[in-house]
Protein backbone atom coordinates (compact mmCIF):
# COMPACT_ATOMS: atom_id res chain seq x y z
CA MET A 1 -101.36 79.45 -36.86
CA SER A 2 -98.61 77.45 -38.50
CA GLN A 3 -99.09 75.95 -41.95
CA ARG A 4 -96.99 72.99 -40.76
CA LEU A 5 -99.54 72.27 -38.04
CA LYS A 6 -102.40 72.46 -40.54
CA LEU A 7 -100.53 70.10 -42.88
CA TYR A 8 -99.89 67.68 -40.02
CA VAL A 9 -103.58 67.71 -39.06
CA SER A 10 -104.65 67.08 -42.68
CA GLU A 11 -102.23 64.12 -42.88
CA VAL A 12 -103.67 62.70 -39.65
CA MET A 13 -107.22 63.17 -40.98
CA ALA A 14 -106.33 61.26 -44.16
CA GLY A 15 -105.76 58.19 -41.99
CA ILE A 16 -109.04 58.43 -40.08
CA ASP A 17 -112.12 56.66 -41.42
CA ALA A 18 -115.11 58.32 -39.81
CA ASP A 19 -118.14 60.35 -40.79
CA PRO A 20 -117.44 63.97 -41.82
CA ILE A 21 -118.88 65.48 -38.64
CA THR A 22 -116.63 63.36 -36.42
CA LYS A 23 -113.62 64.06 -38.63
CA GLY A 24 -114.35 67.79 -38.44
CA ARG A 25 -114.48 67.72 -34.63
CA ILE A 26 -111.28 65.69 -34.42
CA ALA A 27 -109.47 68.04 -36.80
CA GLU A 28 -110.62 71.13 -34.90
CA ASP A 29 -109.68 69.69 -31.50
CA LEU A 30 -106.31 68.42 -32.72
CA LEU A 31 -105.40 71.73 -34.35
CA THR A 32 -106.40 73.65 -31.22
CA SER A 33 -104.37 71.33 -29.01
CA LEU A 34 -101.27 71.49 -31.22
CA THR A 35 -101.52 75.28 -31.52
CA GLU A 36 -101.75 75.68 -27.73
CA ARG A 37 -98.72 73.43 -27.27
CA ALA A 38 -96.80 75.34 -29.96
CA GLU A 39 -97.39 78.62 -28.09
CA ARG A 40 -95.45 77.19 -25.12
CA SER A 41 -92.82 75.47 -27.25
CA SER A 42 -91.68 75.41 -30.88
CA VAL A 43 -93.72 73.94 -33.73
CA GLU A 44 -90.87 71.55 -34.55
CA ARG A 45 -90.80 70.21 -31.00
CA VAL A 46 -94.58 69.77 -30.88
CA LEU A 47 -94.55 67.85 -34.17
CA ALA A 48 -91.63 65.68 -33.04
CA GLU A 49 -93.42 64.84 -29.76
CA SER A 50 -96.67 64.08 -31.58
CA GLY A 51 -95.16 61.32 -33.70
CA ALA A 52 -95.90 60.34 -37.27
CA PRO A 53 -99.33 61.35 -38.63
CA TRP A 54 -100.28 57.72 -39.32
CA GLU A 55 -99.51 56.81 -35.70
CA MET A 56 -101.75 59.57 -34.39
CA ALA A 57 -104.48 58.54 -36.84
CA LYS A 58 -104.21 54.97 -35.58
CA ASP A 59 -104.54 56.20 -31.99
CA TYR A 60 -107.69 58.14 -32.90
CA MET A 61 -109.12 55.12 -34.72
CA ASN A 62 -108.43 52.94 -31.67
CA GLY A 63 -110.22 55.52 -29.54
CA LEU A 64 -113.20 55.60 -31.89
CA TYR A 65 -113.64 51.88 -32.55
CA GLY A 66 -111.40 50.06 -30.08
CA ALA A 67 -107.95 48.59 -30.56
CA GLU A 68 -109.30 45.22 -31.64
CA ALA A 69 -111.43 46.73 -34.41
CA GLY A 70 -108.79 46.64 -37.14
CA PRO A 71 -109.84 46.94 -40.79
CA GLY A 72 -113.51 46.35 -41.50
CA TYR A 73 -114.64 47.95 -38.24
CA ALA A 74 -117.87 49.65 -37.24
CA ASP A 75 -120.42 50.55 -39.91
CA ASN A 76 -118.15 50.00 -42.90
CA GLU A 77 -120.37 47.15 -44.08
CA ALA A 78 -122.44 49.75 -45.92
CA PRO A 79 -121.02 52.03 -48.60
CA TYR A 80 -120.24 55.54 -47.47
CA TYR A 81 -120.98 58.57 -49.59
CA GLY A 82 -119.34 61.54 -48.02
CA TYR A 83 -117.58 64.80 -48.31
CA ASP A 84 -114.02 65.28 -47.23
CA PRO A 85 -113.17 69.00 -47.00
CA VAL A 86 -109.60 68.31 -48.10
CA SER A 87 -110.28 66.29 -51.22
CA GLY A 88 -113.95 66.55 -52.13
CA ASP A 89 -116.82 64.08 -52.53
CA TYR A 90 -116.07 60.39 -52.37
CA TYR A 91 -117.57 56.91 -52.28
CA GLU A 92 -116.11 54.12 -50.18
CA TYR A 93 -116.98 50.54 -49.37
CA LYS A 94 -114.94 48.13 -47.25
CA SER A 95 -116.13 44.59 -46.74
CA PRO A 96 -116.24 43.44 -43.13
CA LEU A 97 -114.40 40.23 -44.04
CA THR A 98 -110.61 40.60 -43.88
CA VAL A 99 -107.72 38.44 -45.05
CA PHE A 100 -104.24 39.18 -43.65
CA ASP A 101 -105.57 42.46 -42.20
CA LEU A 102 -106.79 43.59 -45.63
CA PRO A 103 -110.48 43.88 -46.50
CA LEU A 104 -111.65 41.29 -49.00
CA VAL A 105 -113.15 44.11 -51.11
CA HIS A 106 -112.24 47.79 -50.91
CA ILE A 107 -113.75 50.31 -53.31
CA LYS A 108 -112.87 53.99 -53.08
CA PHE A 109 -113.42 56.81 -55.59
CA ARG A 110 -113.19 60.57 -55.37
CA ARG A 111 -115.14 62.90 -57.61
CA ARG A 112 -112.13 65.15 -58.03
CA GLY A 113 -108.86 63.45 -58.81
CA TRP A 114 -105.51 64.52 -57.46
CA PHE A 115 -104.82 66.45 -60.66
CA PHE A 116 -107.56 68.89 -59.60
CA GLY A 117 -106.33 69.50 -56.08
CA GLY A 118 -107.81 66.47 -54.35
CA ALA A 119 -105.95 63.62 -52.73
CA PRO A 120 -105.95 60.30 -54.57
CA ALA A 121 -108.47 57.74 -53.32
CA VAL A 122 -106.37 54.69 -52.52
CA ALA A 123 -108.14 51.34 -52.32
CA LYS A 124 -106.16 48.57 -50.59
CA GLY A 125 -107.61 45.10 -50.40
CA ILE A 126 -107.59 41.61 -51.85
CA ILE A 127 -109.97 42.99 -54.49
CA ALA A 128 -109.25 46.72 -54.84
CA ILE A 129 -111.14 49.12 -57.09
CA GLY A 130 -110.44 52.85 -57.07
CA ASP A 131 -108.51 55.82 -58.35
CA VAL A 132 -105.38 54.08 -57.08
CA ALA A 133 -105.85 50.34 -56.47
CA LEU A 134 -103.43 48.06 -54.64
CA GLY A 135 -104.37 44.42 -54.23
CA VAL A 136 -104.26 40.86 -55.50
CA PHE A 137 -106.93 41.89 -58.04
CA ALA A 138 -106.62 45.62 -58.73
CA VAL A 139 -108.72 47.78 -61.04
CA GLY A 140 -108.22 51.54 -61.25
CA GLY A 141 -106.61 54.52 -62.91
CA VAL A 142 -103.34 53.42 -61.33
CA ALA A 143 -103.39 49.72 -60.41
CA ALA A 144 -100.78 47.43 -58.89
CA GLY A 145 -101.19 43.81 -57.89
CA GLY A 146 -101.17 40.22 -59.01
CA ILE A 147 -103.81 40.83 -61.69
CA SER A 148 -104.19 44.51 -62.50
CA ILE A 149 -106.25 46.48 -64.97
CA GLY A 150 -105.85 50.23 -65.31
CA GLY A 151 -104.58 53.23 -67.19
CA LEU A 152 -101.20 52.65 -65.57
CA SER A 153 -100.90 49.15 -64.19
CA ALA A 154 -98.22 46.81 -62.86
CA GLY A 155 -98.67 43.18 -61.96
CA LEU A 156 -98.14 39.59 -62.97
CA LEU A 157 -101.02 39.83 -65.46
């Protein structure tokens, strides 16, 4: 099994917001499908035909919640405490109210930071709080926005 296929699947999974069981099934099915296709063709060709990881993640999200769902879909009104096998335990909350396709409030933290092998938890919203926060009001370890507070921050204030 190709490491490139595994990396592609992990990048796709980073763009999918679902419970860990659903994400596990999607990852397993996607990896199996890509591996079968790579046996008949080259890995490079399979990856080129599959498109960018974020596009595939968007397609899966549309399949899970419908194309009209957009940000703030499904059960995201409640905070989610979960485990992501790639980057460890995390907490996430997205408000159902959106402004310009961004949630009004997005909070996302990981127990293990990216310095310890995990992926950074990026919060994007009008009010963003997280390991990495991007928003009009941003608070986090790395923060960028109109008003930002953080260890490393960039903004108007």
